[in-house]
Amino acid sequence: MARRTKGSNEDDPDFGPPLAEICAEIEADRETLKAVMDQLGIGQSKVKPLAATVGERLGRLKPNGQLLGYSPLSRLVELEVLQIGVTGKRRLWRALEHTHTEDLSNFELGAHAERATEQLRRLEALHLKAAALAL
């Protein structure tokens, strides 16, 4: 979703640059999560990424006033979904910090949680800007 939102807004000077930065951070966090899973001996599910892809595609079927195009409402809904995802990510970093502090000390989980908090702050500002355009 972050990549899609970034791509749909890359030509917009108000949304493109901050979304590109947030997307890069989310991708880096995803790589960190993979490393955390490896260190804890947790395998990656093959079904969950497929389910997420299907869910993301179904999410495109929203009443945005356009049959195929991208609208201001599309941006608003996508920013809301990104906020939900980043909130979950922040909670995950905090939970891992609480339960695996010693096992994962080299990952600076608190710093990852703080970065997610900062991402939420930026997404909220973008969401309010998008709301003013869409509503």
N, C-alpha and C. Protein backbone atom coordinates (compact mmCIF):
# COMPACT_ATOMS: atom_id res chain seq x y z
N MET A 1 0.83 -1.19 0.00
CA MET A 1 0.00 0.00 0.00
C MET A 1 0.87 1.26 0.00
N ALA A 2 1.96 1.21 0.74
CA ALA A 2 2.84 2.39 0.78
C ALA A 2 3.42 2.67 -0.60
N ARG A 3 3.85 1.60 -1.29
CA ARG A 3 4.40 1.80 -2.64
C ARG A 3 3.35 2.33 -3.60
N ARG A 4 2.16 1.79 -3.50
CA ARG A 4 1.07 2.22 -4.39
C ARG A 4 0.72 3.68 -4.14
N THR A 5 0.58 4.06 -2.89
CA THR A 5 0.25 5.45 -2.55
C THR A 5 1.36 6.38 -3.00
N LYS A 6 2.60 5.97 -2.78
CA LYS A 6 3.74 6.78 -3.23
C LYS A 6 3.69 6.97 -4.74
N GLY A 7 3.47 5.87 -5.47
CA GLY A 7 3.44 5.95 -6.93
C GLY A 7 2.31 6.81 -7.46
N SER A 8 1.17 6.74 -6.82
CA SER A 8 0.01 7.52 -7.27
C SER A 8 0.16 9.00 -6.99
N ASN A 9 1.08 9.36 -6.12
CA ASN A 9 1.22 10.76 -5.72
C ASN A 9 2.59 11.35 -6.03
N GLU A 10 3.43 10.61 -6.78
CA GLU A 10 4.81 11.06 -6.97
C GLU A 10 4.93 12.39 -7.71
N ASP A 11 3.93 12.75 -8.51
CA ASP A 11 4.00 14.01 -9.24
C ASP A 11 3.40 15.18 -8.45
N ASP A 12 2.85 14.90 -7.29
CA ASP A 12 2.23 15.94 -6.48
C ASP A 12 3.27 16.49 -5.49
N PRO A 13 3.60 17.78 -5.59
CA PRO A 13 4.65 18.33 -4.72
C PRO A 13 4.30 18.31 -3.24
N ASP A 14 3.02 18.31 -2.90
CA ASP A 14 2.62 18.29 -1.49
C ASP A 14 2.64 16.89 -0.89
N PHE A 15 2.35 15.88 -1.71
CA PHE A 15 2.23 14.52 -1.20
C PHE A 15 3.39 13.62 -1.62
N GLY A 16 3.93 13.82 -2.80
CA GLY A 16 4.95 12.93 -3.33
C GLY A 16 6.19 12.78 -2.48
N PRO A 17 6.90 13.88 -2.17
CA PRO A 17 8.14 13.74 -1.40
C PRO A 17 7.95 13.12 0.00
N PRO A 18 6.96 13.59 0.79
CA PRO A 18 6.82 12.95 2.10
C PRO A 18 6.41 11.48 2.02
N LEU A 19 5.59 11.14 1.04
CA LEU A 19 5.18 9.74 0.89
C LEU A 19 6.35 8.87 0.43
N ALA A 20 7.22 9.41 -0.40
CA ALA A 20 8.40 8.66 -0.83
C ALA A 20 9.30 8.36 0.37
N GLU A 21 9.46 9.33 1.23
CA GLU A 21 10.29 9.15 2.43
C GLU A 21 9.67 8.13 3.38
N ILE A 22 8.37 8.23 3.61
CA ILE A 22 7.69 7.29 4.49
C ILE A 22 7.74 5.88 3.90
N CYS A 23 7.55 5.76 2.61
CA CYS A 23 7.60 4.45 1.95
C CYS A 23 8.98 3.82 2.11
N ALA A 24 10.02 4.59 1.94
CA ALA A 24 11.38 4.06 2.10
C ALA A 24 11.60 3.58 3.53
N GLU A 25 11.09 4.31 4.49
CA GLU A 25 11.23 3.91 5.89
C GLU A 25 10.44 2.63 6.17
N ILE A 26 9.25 2.51 5.61
CA ILE A 26 8.44 1.30 5.80
C ILE A 26 9.15 0.10 5.18
N GLU A 27 9.74 0.28 4.02
CA GLU A 27 10.47 -0.82 3.39
C GLU A 27 11.68 -1.23 4.24
N ALA A 28 12.37 -0.26 4.82
CA ALA A 28 13.50 -0.58 5.70
C ALA A 28 13.02 -1.31 6.95
N ASP A 29 11.89 -0.88 7.49
CA ASP A 29 11.33 -1.56 8.66
C ASP A 29 10.93 -2.99 8.33
N ARG A 30 10.45 -3.20 7.14
CA ARG A 30 10.08 -4.56 6.72
C ARG A 30 11.31 -5.46 6.68
N GLU A 31 12.42 -4.93 6.20
CA GLU A 31 13.66 -5.71 6.18
C GLU A 31 14.13 -6.00 7.60
N THR A 32 14.00 -5.02 8.49
CA THR A 32 14.37 -5.25 9.88
C THR A 32 13.49 -6.33 10.50
N LEU A 33 12.20 -6.28 10.20
CA LEU A 33 11.29 -7.29 10.73
C LEU A 33 11.68 -8.69 10.25
N LYS A 34 12.07 -8.80 8.99
CA LYS A 34 12.53 -10.10 8.48
C LYS A 34 13.75 -10.59 9.27
N ALA A 35 14.68 -9.68 9.55
CA ALA A 35 15.87 -10.05 10.32
C ALA A 35 15.49 -10.46 11.75
N VAL A 36 14.54 -9.75 12.35
CA VAL A 36 14.05 -10.11 13.69
C VAL A 36 13.44 -11.50 13.66
N MET A 37 12.62 -11.77 12.66
CA MET A 37 11.99 -13.09 12.54
C MET A 37 13.04 -14.18 12.39
N ASP A 38 14.05 -13.92 11.59
CA ASP A 38 15.14 -14.90 11.41
C ASP A 38 15.84 -15.16 12.74
N GLN A 39 16.14 -14.09 13.48
CA GLN A 39 16.84 -14.25 14.75
C GLN A 39 16.00 -15.02 15.76
N LEU A 40 14.68 -14.85 15.71
CA LEU A 40 13.80 -15.55 16.64
C LEU A 40 13.39 -16.93 16.13
N GLY A 41 13.82 -17.26 14.91
CA GLY A 41 13.49 -18.57 14.35
C GLY A 41 12.05 -18.68 13.89
N ILE A 42 11.49 -17.56 13.46
CA ILE A 42 10.10 -17.53 12.98
C ILE A 42 10.11 -17.54 11.46
N GLY A 43 9.45 -18.52 10.87
CA GLY A 43 9.38 -18.61 9.41
C GLY A 43 8.39 -17.61 8.84
N GLN A 44 8.59 -17.29 7.59
CA GLN A 44 7.69 -16.37 6.92
C GLN A 44 6.55 -17.14 6.27
N SER A 45 5.34 -16.70 6.53
CA SER A 45 4.16 -17.34 5.96
C SER A 45 4.08 -17.05 4.47
N LYS A 46 3.68 -18.03 3.71
CA LYS A 46 3.47 -17.82 2.27
C LYS A 46 2.04 -17.35 2.01
N VAL A 47 1.13 -17.65 2.91
CA VAL A 47 -0.28 -17.31 2.73
C VAL A 47 -0.56 -15.86 3.10
N LYS A 48 0.03 -15.36 4.17
CA LYS A 48 -0.28 -14.01 4.64
C LYS A 48 0.05 -12.92 3.62
N PRO A 49 1.22 -12.96 2.96
CA PRO A 49 1.47 -11.92 1.94
C PRO A 49 0.47 -11.99 0.80
N LEU A 50 0.06 -13.19 0.42
CA LEU A 50 -0.95 -13.33 -0.63
C LEU A 50 -2.28 -12.74 -0.18
N ALA A 51 -2.66 -13.02 1.07
CA ALA A 51 -3.90 -12.46 1.60
C ALA A 51 -3.84 -10.93 1.66
N ALA A 52 -2.69 -10.40 2.03
CA ALA A 52 -2.52 -8.95 2.08
C ALA A 52 -2.64 -8.33 0.69
N THR A 53 -2.08 -8.99 -0.31
CA THR A 53 -2.18 -8.50 -1.68
C THR A 53 -3.62 -8.51 -2.15
N VAL A 54 -4.33 -9.58 -1.87
CA VAL A 54 -5.74 -9.67 -2.26
C VAL A 54 -6.54 -8.57 -1.54
N GLY A 55 -6.28 -8.38 -0.25
CA GLY A 55 -6.97 -7.34 0.51
C GLY A 55 -6.70 -5.95 -0.04
N GLU A 56 -5.45 -5.71 -0.41
CA GLU A 56 -5.10 -4.40 -0.97
C GLU A 56 -5.81 -4.17 -2.29
N ARG A 57 -5.88 -5.20 -3.10
CA ARG A 57 -6.56 -5.06 -4.40
C ARG A 57 -8.06 -4.87 -4.22
N LEU A 58 -8.64 -5.58 -3.27
CA LEU A 58 -10.07 -5.39 -2.99
C LEU A 58 -10.33 -3.98 -2.47
N GLY A 59 -9.34 -3.44 -1.74
CA GLY A 59 -9.47 -2.08 -1.22
C GLY A 59 -9.54 -1.03 -2.31
N ARG A 60 -9.10 -1.38 -3.49
CA ARG A 60 -9.17 -0.44 -4.62
C ARG A 60 -10.60 -0.26 -5.10
N LEU A 61 -11.46 -1.21 -4.77
CA LEU A 61 -12.86 -1.14 -5.18
C LEU A 61 -13.64 -0.30 -4.18
N LYS A 62 -13.40 0.98 -4.20
CA LYS A 62 -14.08 1.89 -3.29
C LYS A 62 -14.82 2.95 -4.09
N PRO A 63 -15.85 3.50 -3.51
CA PRO A 63 -16.62 4.53 -4.22
C PRO A 63 -15.86 5.86 -4.24
N ASN A 64 -14.96 6.01 -5.19
CA ASN A 64 -14.14 7.21 -5.23
C ASN A 64 -14.59 8.20 -6.30
N GLY A 65 -15.74 7.93 -6.90
CA GLY A 65 -16.25 8.85 -7.91
C GLY A 65 -15.66 8.62 -9.28
N GLN A 66 -14.73 7.67 -9.41
CA GLN A 66 -14.13 7.35 -10.69
C GLN A 66 -14.06 5.84 -10.82
N LEU A 67 -14.36 5.37 -12.01
CA LEU A 67 -14.36 3.93 -12.22
C LEU A 67 -12.96 3.35 -12.16
N LEU A 68 -12.01 3.93 -12.85
CA LEU A 68 -10.66 3.38 -12.91
C LEU A 68 -9.59 4.32 -12.37
N GLY A 69 -9.87 5.58 -12.27
CA GLY A 69 -8.83 6.55 -11.93
C GLY A 69 -8.61 6.75 -10.45
N TYR A 70 -7.63 7.57 -10.18
CA TYR A 70 -7.24 7.92 -8.82
C TYR A 70 -7.92 9.24 -8.49
N SER A 71 -8.55 9.31 -7.35
CA SER A 71 -9.26 10.53 -6.96
C SER A 71 -8.75 11.02 -5.62
N PRO A 72 -9.15 12.22 -5.22
CA PRO A 72 -8.78 12.70 -3.88
C PRO A 72 -9.28 11.77 -2.77
N LEU A 73 -10.43 11.11 -2.99
CA LEU A 73 -10.92 10.16 -1.99
C LEU A 73 -10.03 8.92 -1.94
N SER A 74 -9.49 8.51 -3.07
CA SER A 74 -8.55 7.37 -3.09
C SER A 74 -7.37 7.66 -2.17
N ARG A 75 -6.80 8.85 -2.30
CA ARG A 75 -5.65 9.25 -1.48
C ARG A 75 -6.02 9.24 0.00
N LEU A 76 -7.19 9.79 0.31
CA LEU A 76 -7.63 9.87 1.70
C LEU A 76 -7.73 8.47 2.31
N VAL A 77 -8.37 7.56 1.61
CA VAL A 77 -8.55 6.19 2.12
C VAL A 77 -7.20 5.49 2.24
N GLU A 78 -6.34 5.66 1.27
CA GLU A 78 -5.02 5.02 1.33
C GLU A 78 -4.20 5.54 2.51
N LEU A 79 -4.28 6.82 2.78
CA LEU A 79 -3.57 7.37 3.94
C LEU A 79 -4.14 6.81 5.24
N GLU A 80 -5.43 6.59 5.28
CA GLU A 80 -6.04 5.98 6.47
C GLU A 80 -5.54 4.55 6.66
N VAL A 81 -5.45 3.79 5.57
CA VAL A 81 -4.94 2.42 5.66
C VAL A 81 -3.48 2.42 6.09
N LEU A 82 -2.69 3.33 5.56
CA LEU A 82 -1.29 3.43 5.98
C LEU A 82 -1.18 3.75 7.47
N GLN A 83 -2.04 4.62 7.96
CA GLN A 83 -2.00 4.94 9.39
C GLN A 83 -2.32 3.70 10.23
N ILE A 84 -3.27 2.91 9.80
CA ILE A 84 -3.61 1.68 10.52
C ILE A 84 -2.40 0.74 10.53
N GLY A 85 -1.77 0.58 9.37
CA GLY A 85 -0.61 -0.29 9.28
C GLY A 85 0.55 0.17 10.15
N VAL A 86 0.84 1.46 10.13
CA VAL A 86 1.95 1.99 10.92
C VAL A 86 1.64 1.90 12.42
N THR A 87 0.37 2.08 12.78
CA THR A 87 -0.01 1.90 14.19
C THR A 87 0.25 0.47 14.63
N GLY A 88 -0.10 -0.49 13.79
CA GLY A 88 0.17 -1.89 14.11
C GLY A 88 1.65 -2.17 14.21
N LYS A 89 2.42 -1.57 13.31
CA LYS A 89 3.88 -1.75 13.33
C LYS A 89 4.47 -1.19 14.62
N ARG A 90 4.01 -0.02 15.02
CA ARG A 90 4.51 0.58 16.26
C ARG A 90 4.20 -0.32 17.45
N ARG A 91 2.99 -0.87 17.47
CA ARG A 91 2.61 -1.76 18.57
C ARG A 91 3.47 -3.03 18.56
N LEU A 92 3.80 -3.53 17.38
CA LEU A 92 4.66 -4.71 17.28
C LEU A 92 6.05 -4.42 17.84
N TRP A 93 6.64 -3.28 17.44
CA TRP A 93 7.97 -2.94 17.95
C TRP A 93 7.94 -2.84 19.48
N ARG A 94 6.90 -2.22 20.03
CA ARG A 94 6.79 -2.09 21.49
C ARG A 94 6.63 -3.46 22.15
N ALA A 95 5.81 -4.32 21.56
CA ALA A 95 5.60 -5.66 22.12
C ALA A 95 6.89 -6.47 22.09
N LEU A 96 7.63 -6.39 20.99
CA LEU A 96 8.90 -7.11 20.90
C LEU A 96 9.90 -6.55 21.90
N GLU A 97 9.90 -5.25 22.07
CA GLU A 97 10.79 -4.63 23.04
C GLU A 97 10.47 -5.12 24.45
N HIS A 98 9.20 -5.26 24.74
CA HIS A 98 8.75 -5.69 26.06
C HIS A 98 9.04 -7.17 26.32
N THR A 99 8.92 -7.99 25.28
CA THR A 99 9.02 -9.43 25.48
C THR A 99 10.39 -10.02 25.13
N HIS A 100 11.16 -9.34 24.29
CA HIS A 100 12.44 -9.90 23.82
C HIS A 100 13.58 -8.89 23.91
N THR A 101 13.60 -8.10 24.95
CA THR A 101 14.61 -7.05 25.07
C THR A 101 16.03 -7.60 24.92
N GLU A 102 16.33 -8.66 25.62
CA GLU A 102 17.69 -9.20 25.59
C GLU A 102 18.00 -9.90 24.27
N ASP A 103 17.04 -10.69 23.78
CA ASP A 103 17.25 -11.44 22.53
C ASP A 103 17.46 -10.53 21.32
N LEU A 104 16.84 -9.35 21.37
CA LEU A 104 16.85 -8.46 20.20
C LEU A 104 17.52 -7.12 20.49
N SER A 105 18.45 -7.11 21.42
CA SER A 105 19.07 -5.84 21.83
C SER A 105 19.79 -5.13 20.68
N ASN A 106 20.23 -5.87 19.68
CA ASN A 106 20.95 -5.24 18.57
C ASN A 106 20.02 -4.58 17.55
N PHE A 107 18.70 -4.64 17.75
CA PHE A 107 17.76 -4.06 16.79
C PHE A 107 17.22 -2.69 17.18
N GLU A 108 17.52 -2.21 18.37
CA GLU A 108 17.05 -0.90 18.82
C GLU A 108 15.54 -0.75 18.59
N LEU A 109 14.77 -1.64 19.19
CA LEU A 109 13.33 -1.69 18.97
C LEU A 109 12.63 -0.40 19.41
N GLY A 110 13.11 0.22 20.47
CA GLY A 110 12.52 1.49 20.91
C GLY A 110 12.66 2.57 19.85
N ALA A 111 13.80 2.59 19.18
CA ALA A 111 14.01 3.58 18.11
C ALA A 111 13.07 3.31 16.94
N HIS A 112 12.83 2.04 16.66
CA HIS A 112 11.88 1.71 15.58
C HIS A 112 10.47 2.15 15.96
N ALA A 113 10.10 1.96 17.21
CA ALA A 113 8.77 2.39 17.67
C ALA A 113 8.65 3.91 17.58
N GLU A 114 9.70 4.62 17.95
CA GLU A 114 9.67 6.08 17.87
C GLU A 114 9.58 6.55 16.42
N ARG A 115 10.26 5.86 15.52
CA ARG A 115 10.17 6.23 14.11
C ARG A 115 8.75 6.02 13.60
N ALA A 116 8.10 4.95 14.05
CA ALA A 116 6.71 4.72 13.67
C ALA A 116 5.82 5.84 14.20
N THR A 117 6.09 6.31 15.40
CA THR A 117 5.32 7.43 15.96
C THR A 117 5.49 8.66 15.09
N GLU A 118 6.71 8.91 14.65
CA GLU A 118 6.98 10.05 13.76
C GLU A 118 6.30 9.87 12.41
N GLN A 119 6.30 8.64 11.89
CA GLN A 119 5.60 8.37 10.64
C GLN A 119 4.10 8.66 10.79
N LEU A 120 3.54 8.28 11.93
CA LEU A 120 2.12 8.56 12.17
C LEU A 120 1.84 10.05 12.20
N ARG A 121 2.74 10.80 12.80
CA ARG A 121 2.57 12.26 12.85
C ARG A 121 2.54 12.84 11.43
N ARG A 122 3.47 12.38 10.59
CA ARG A 122 3.52 12.88 9.21
C ARG A 122 2.31 12.41 8.40
N LEU A 123 1.91 11.16 8.61
CA LEU A 123 0.74 10.65 7.89
C LEU A 123 -0.53 11.39 8.31
N GLU A 124 -0.63 11.74 9.58
CA GLU A 124 -1.80 12.50 10.04
C GLU A 124 -1.85 13.86 9.37
N ALA A 125 -0.72 14.52 9.25
CA ALA A 125 -0.69 15.83 8.58
C ALA A 125 -1.08 15.68 7.11
N LEU A 126 -0.59 14.63 6.45
CA LEU A 126 -0.98 14.39 5.05
C LEU A 126 -2.45 14.03 4.94
N HIS A 127 -2.95 13.28 5.91
CA HIS A 127 -4.35 12.89 5.92
C HIS A 127 -5.25 14.13 6.01
N LEU A 128 -4.90 15.04 6.89
CA LEU A 128 -5.70 16.26 7.03
C LEU A 128 -5.67 17.09 5.75
N LYS A 129 -4.52 17.15 5.11
CA LYS A 129 -4.40 17.87 3.84
C LYS A 129 -5.25 17.18 2.78
N ALA A 130 -5.19 15.86 2.75
CA ALA A 130 -5.98 15.08 1.77
C ALA A 130 -7.47 15.24 2.04
N ALA A 131 -7.86 15.28 3.30
CA ALA A 131 -9.26 15.45 3.67
C ALA A 131 -9.80 16.79 3.17
N ALA A 132 -8.97 17.83 3.28
CA ALA A 132 -9.40 19.15 2.82
C ALA A 132 -9.65 19.15 1.30
N LEU A 133 -8.92 18.30 0.58
CA LEU A 133 -9.09 18.22 -0.87
C LEU A 133 -10.25 17.30 -1.27
N ALA A 134 -10.52 16.29 -0.44
CA ALA A 134 -11.49 15.26 -0.83
C ALA A 134 -12.89 15.51 -0.29
N LEU A 135 -12.99 16.19 0.83
CA LEU A 135 -14.31 16.31 1.46
C LEU A 135 -14.91 17.69 1.30
